[in-house]
N, C-alpha and C. Protein backbone atom coordinates (compact mmCIF):
# COMPACT_ATOMS: atom_id res chain seq x y z
N UNK A 1 7.71 22.84 20.70
CA UNK A 1 7.62 21.46 20.26
C UNK A 1 6.19 21.17 19.79
N UNK A 2 6.04 20.55 18.63
CA UNK A 2 4.71 20.23 18.13
C UNK A 2 4.23 18.92 18.75
N UNK A 3 2.93 18.86 18.94
CA UNK A 3 2.38 17.62 19.51
C UNK A 3 2.26 16.59 18.39
N UNK A 4 2.68 15.39 18.70
CA UNK A 4 2.61 14.32 17.71
C UNK A 4 1.61 13.28 18.17
N UNK A 5 0.89 12.75 17.21
CA UNK A 5 -0.06 11.68 17.52
C UNK A 5 0.72 10.40 17.76
N UNK A 6 0.24 9.60 18.67
CA UNK A 6 0.84 8.30 18.96
C UNK A 6 0.12 7.27 18.09
N UNK A 7 0.67 7.04 16.89
CA UNK A 7 0.02 6.15 15.94
C UNK A 7 -0.06 4.72 16.46
N UNK A 8 0.95 4.30 17.21
CA UNK A 8 0.92 2.95 17.79
C UNK A 8 -0.27 2.81 18.73
N UNK A 9 -0.46 3.79 19.61
CA UNK A 9 -1.57 3.75 20.55
C UNK A 9 -2.91 3.78 19.81
N UNK A 10 -2.98 4.59 18.76
CA UNK A 10 -4.22 4.65 17.98
C UNK A 10 -4.51 3.31 17.32
N UNK A 11 -3.47 2.69 16.75
CA UNK A 11 -3.65 1.39 16.10
C UNK A 11 -4.08 0.33 17.11
N UNK A 12 -3.46 0.32 18.26
CA UNK A 12 -3.82 -0.65 19.30
C UNK A 12 -5.27 -0.44 19.74
N UNK A 13 -5.68 0.82 19.89
CA UNK A 13 -7.06 1.11 20.27
C UNK A 13 -8.03 0.63 19.18
N UNK A 14 -7.66 0.84 17.92
CA UNK A 14 -8.50 0.37 16.82
C UNK A 14 -8.59 -1.16 16.81
N UNK A 15 -7.46 -1.82 17.10
CA UNK A 15 -7.47 -3.28 17.15
C UNK A 15 -8.38 -3.78 18.27
N UNK A 16 -8.33 -3.11 19.41
CA UNK A 16 -9.18 -3.51 20.53
C UNK A 16 -10.66 -3.28 20.18
N UNK A 17 -10.96 -2.17 19.52
CA UNK A 17 -12.34 -1.91 19.10
C UNK A 17 -12.80 -2.98 18.12
N UNK A 18 -11.91 -3.37 17.22
CA UNK A 18 -12.23 -4.42 16.25
C UNK A 18 -12.47 -5.75 16.95
N UNK A 19 -11.64 -6.04 17.97
CA UNK A 19 -11.80 -7.27 18.76
C UNK A 19 -13.16 -7.27 19.45
N UNK A 20 -13.53 -6.13 20.04
CA UNK A 20 -14.82 -6.03 20.73
C UNK A 20 -15.98 -6.22 19.74
N UNK A 21 -15.84 -5.67 18.55
CA UNK A 21 -16.88 -5.84 17.53
C UNK A 21 -17.02 -7.32 17.16
N UNK A 22 -15.87 -7.98 17.01
CA UNK A 22 -15.89 -9.41 16.69
C UNK A 22 -16.53 -10.23 17.80
N UNK A 23 -16.25 -9.88 19.04
CA UNK A 23 -16.86 -10.58 20.17
C UNK A 23 -18.37 -10.40 20.18
N UNK A 24 -18.82 -9.18 19.87
CA UNK A 24 -20.26 -8.92 19.82
C UNK A 24 -20.91 -9.67 18.65
N UNK A 25 -20.22 -9.71 17.53
CA UNK A 25 -20.77 -10.35 16.34
C UNK A 25 -20.78 -11.87 16.46
N UNK A 26 -19.65 -12.44 16.90
CA UNK A 26 -19.49 -13.89 16.90
C UNK A 26 -19.58 -14.53 18.28
N UNK A 27 -19.55 -13.70 19.32
CA UNK A 27 -19.70 -14.22 20.68
C UNK A 27 -18.47 -14.90 21.24
N UNK A 28 -17.35 -14.82 20.52
CA UNK A 28 -16.11 -15.45 20.99
C UNK A 28 -14.93 -14.85 20.25
N UNK A 29 -13.73 -14.96 20.81
CA UNK A 29 -12.54 -14.46 20.11
C UNK A 29 -12.12 -15.42 18.99
N UNK A 30 -11.23 -14.96 18.16
CA UNK A 30 -10.68 -15.81 17.10
C UNK A 30 -9.92 -16.97 17.75
N UNK A 31 -10.18 -18.15 17.24
CA UNK A 31 -9.52 -19.35 17.76
C UNK A 31 -8.78 -20.02 16.61
N UNK A 32 -7.46 -19.99 16.68
CA UNK A 32 -6.64 -20.53 15.59
C UNK A 32 -6.82 -22.04 15.41
N UNK A 33 -7.36 -22.70 16.41
CA UNK A 33 -7.53 -24.16 16.32
C UNK A 33 -8.83 -24.56 15.64
N UNK A 34 -9.70 -23.60 15.37
CA UNK A 34 -10.95 -23.92 14.67
C UNK A 34 -10.63 -24.32 13.24
N UNK A 35 -11.51 -25.10 12.66
CA UNK A 35 -11.28 -25.55 11.28
C UNK A 35 -11.80 -24.48 10.31
N UNK A 36 -11.10 -23.36 10.31
CA UNK A 36 -11.44 -22.25 9.42
C UNK A 36 -10.26 -22.04 8.49
N UNK A 37 -10.55 -21.69 7.25
CA UNK A 37 -9.48 -21.45 6.29
C UNK A 37 -8.99 -20.01 6.47
N UNK A 38 -8.06 -19.83 7.42
CA UNK A 38 -7.56 -18.49 7.75
C UNK A 38 -6.85 -17.84 6.57
N UNK A 39 -6.16 -18.63 5.77
CA UNK A 39 -5.49 -18.05 4.61
C UNK A 39 -6.50 -17.53 3.59
N UNK A 40 -7.57 -18.27 3.38
CA UNK A 40 -8.60 -17.82 2.44
C UNK A 40 -9.24 -16.53 2.95
N UNK A 41 -9.54 -16.49 4.25
CA UNK A 41 -10.09 -15.26 4.83
C UNK A 41 -9.12 -14.09 4.63
N UNK A 42 -7.84 -14.35 4.83
CA UNK A 42 -6.83 -13.30 4.67
C UNK A 42 -6.78 -12.81 3.23
N UNK A 43 -6.83 -13.72 2.28
CA UNK A 43 -6.81 -13.36 0.87
C UNK A 43 -8.02 -12.49 0.53
N UNK A 44 -9.19 -12.88 1.02
CA UNK A 44 -10.40 -12.11 0.76
C UNK A 44 -10.30 -10.70 1.36
N UNK A 45 -9.76 -10.61 2.58
CA UNK A 45 -9.58 -9.30 3.21
C UNK A 45 -8.58 -8.45 2.43
N UNK A 46 -7.51 -9.07 1.94
CA UNK A 46 -6.52 -8.33 1.15
C UNK A 46 -7.10 -7.86 -0.18
N UNK A 47 -7.95 -8.66 -0.77
CA UNK A 47 -8.61 -8.23 -2.00
C UNK A 47 -9.52 -7.04 -1.74
N UNK A 48 -10.26 -7.09 -0.63
CA UNK A 48 -11.09 -5.94 -0.25
C UNK A 48 -10.20 -4.72 -0.04
N UNK A 49 -9.10 -4.90 0.67
CA UNK A 49 -8.18 -3.79 0.92
C UNK A 49 -7.67 -3.20 -0.39
N UNK A 50 -7.36 -4.06 -1.36
CA UNK A 50 -6.83 -3.59 -2.64
C UNK A 50 -7.80 -2.63 -3.32
N UNK A 51 -9.10 -2.94 -3.30
CA UNK A 51 -10.05 -2.05 -3.96
C UNK A 51 -10.22 -0.76 -3.17
N UNK A 52 -10.18 -0.86 -1.83
CA UNK A 52 -10.26 0.35 -1.01
C UNK A 52 -9.05 1.24 -1.26
N UNK A 53 -7.87 0.64 -1.35
CA UNK A 53 -6.64 1.40 -1.59
C UNK A 53 -6.68 2.05 -2.97
N UNK A 54 -7.17 1.33 -3.97
CA UNK A 54 -7.25 1.89 -5.32
C UNK A 54 -8.22 3.07 -5.35
N UNK A 55 -9.35 2.93 -4.68
CA UNK A 55 -10.32 4.03 -4.63
C UNK A 55 -9.72 5.24 -3.92
N UNK A 56 -9.02 5.01 -2.82
CA UNK A 56 -8.39 6.11 -2.08
C UNK A 56 -7.33 6.79 -2.93
N UNK A 57 -6.57 6.00 -3.70
CA UNK A 57 -5.55 6.55 -4.59
C UNK A 57 -6.19 7.46 -5.64
N UNK A 58 -7.30 7.02 -6.20
CA UNK A 58 -7.97 7.84 -7.20
C UNK A 58 -8.50 9.14 -6.60
N UNK A 59 -9.02 9.07 -5.38
CA UNK A 59 -9.48 10.28 -4.70
C UNK A 59 -8.30 11.23 -4.50
N UNK A 60 -7.17 10.70 -4.02
CA UNK A 60 -5.99 11.54 -3.79
C UNK A 60 -5.49 12.16 -5.08
N UNK A 61 -5.47 11.38 -6.16
CA UNK A 61 -5.02 11.92 -7.44
C UNK A 61 -5.96 13.03 -7.91
N UNK A 62 -7.26 12.84 -7.71
CA UNK A 62 -8.22 13.88 -8.07
C UNK A 62 -8.00 15.14 -7.27
N UNK A 63 -7.72 14.99 -5.98
CA UNK A 63 -7.45 16.15 -5.14
C UNK A 63 -6.16 16.85 -5.57
N UNK A 64 -5.14 16.07 -5.91
CA UNK A 64 -3.88 16.67 -6.36
C UNK A 64 -4.10 17.46 -7.65
N UNK A 65 -4.88 16.91 -8.56
CA UNK A 65 -5.18 17.60 -9.81
C UNK A 65 -5.92 18.90 -9.52
N UNK A 66 -6.89 18.86 -8.62
CA UNK A 66 -7.66 20.05 -8.27
C UNK A 66 -6.77 21.11 -7.62
N UNK A 67 -5.84 20.68 -6.76
CA UNK A 67 -4.91 21.62 -6.13
C UNK A 67 -4.07 22.33 -7.19
N UNK A 68 -3.57 21.58 -8.15
CA UNK A 68 -2.76 22.17 -9.23
C UNK A 68 -3.60 23.18 -10.01
N UNK A 69 -4.85 22.81 -10.33
CA UNK A 69 -5.73 23.73 -11.06
C UNK A 69 -5.94 25.02 -10.27
N UNK A 70 -6.18 24.90 -8.96
CA UNK A 70 -6.41 26.08 -8.13
C UNK A 70 -5.15 26.93 -8.00
N UNK A 71 -3.98 26.28 -7.91
CA UNK A 71 -2.73 27.03 -7.85
C UNK A 71 -2.52 27.83 -9.13
N UNK A 72 -2.80 27.21 -10.27
CA UNK A 72 -2.67 27.91 -11.56
C UNK A 72 -3.64 29.08 -11.64
N UNK A 73 -4.85 28.87 -11.15
CA UNK A 73 -5.85 29.94 -11.15
C UNK A 73 -5.41 31.08 -10.23
N UNK A 74 -4.83 30.75 -9.10
CA UNK A 74 -4.33 31.76 -8.16
C UNK A 74 -3.24 32.61 -8.79
N UNK A 75 -2.34 31.96 -9.53
CA UNK A 75 -1.27 32.70 -10.21
C UNK A 75 -1.89 33.70 -11.19
N UNK A 76 -2.89 33.27 -11.97
CA UNK A 76 -3.54 34.16 -12.92
C UNK A 76 -4.23 35.33 -12.22
N UNK A 77 -4.90 35.06 -11.12
CA UNK A 77 -5.59 36.12 -10.37
C UNK A 77 -4.57 37.12 -9.82
N UNK A 78 -3.45 36.61 -9.31
CA UNK A 78 -2.40 37.51 -8.80
C UNK A 78 -1.85 38.37 -9.93
N UNK A 79 -1.64 37.78 -11.11
CA UNK A 79 -1.14 38.54 -12.25
C UNK A 79 -2.14 39.62 -12.66
N UNK A 80 -3.43 39.27 -12.71
CA UNK A 80 -4.46 40.25 -13.06
C UNK A 80 -4.54 41.35 -12.02
N UNK A 81 -4.42 40.98 -10.76
CA UNK A 81 -4.45 41.96 -9.68
C UNK A 81 -3.27 42.93 -9.80
N UNK A 82 -2.12 42.39 -10.14
CA UNK A 82 -0.93 43.23 -10.30
C UNK A 82 -1.12 44.21 -11.46
N UNK A 83 -1.70 43.73 -12.56
CA UNK A 83 -1.95 44.59 -13.72
C UNK A 83 -2.94 45.70 -13.35
N UNK A 84 -3.98 45.35 -12.59
CA UNK A 84 -4.96 46.35 -12.18
C UNK A 84 -4.33 47.41 -11.28
N UNK A 85 -3.43 47.01 -10.40
CA UNK A 85 -2.72 47.98 -9.56
C UNK A 85 -1.88 48.93 -10.41
N UNK A 86 -1.18 48.37 -11.40
CA UNK A 86 -0.37 49.21 -12.28
C UNK A 86 -1.24 50.22 -13.02
N UNK A 87 -2.41 49.77 -13.51
CA UNK A 87 -3.32 50.67 -14.22
C UNK A 87 -3.83 51.76 -13.30
N UNK A 88 -4.12 51.40 -12.06
CA UNK A 88 -4.62 52.40 -11.10
C UNK A 88 -3.54 53.45 -10.82
N UNK A 89 -2.29 53.00 -10.67
CA UNK A 89 -1.21 53.95 -10.41
C UNK A 89 -0.95 54.83 -11.62
N UNK A 90 -1.11 54.28 -12.82
CA UNK A 90 -0.89 55.06 -14.03
C UNK A 90 -1.95 56.15 -14.18
N UNK A 91 -3.16 55.87 -13.69
CA UNK A 91 -4.24 56.84 -13.86
C UNK A 91 -4.22 57.95 -12.81
N UNK A 92 -3.34 57.84 -11.83
CA UNK A 92 -3.26 58.88 -10.77
C UNK A 92 -2.35 59.99 -11.21
């Protein structure tokens, strides 16, 4: 049986770490009754997330392209290696 990560536990731990950071930064937990524009904050966070997601997507696409290039190169090297083996056997 393969060991699986508990993503829920990891997410909860990250949330708690984020909560602790907020407490250190602001000295108090989030209070829904404060006169803060929570929707505006959410929109700003989502906009930040959108650019992070787009950047991550571009990195992944670049990696996928590089993997394809390396796979194609590997096929060529294997073909050349096979030809060299044939030549070596022919010369014996």
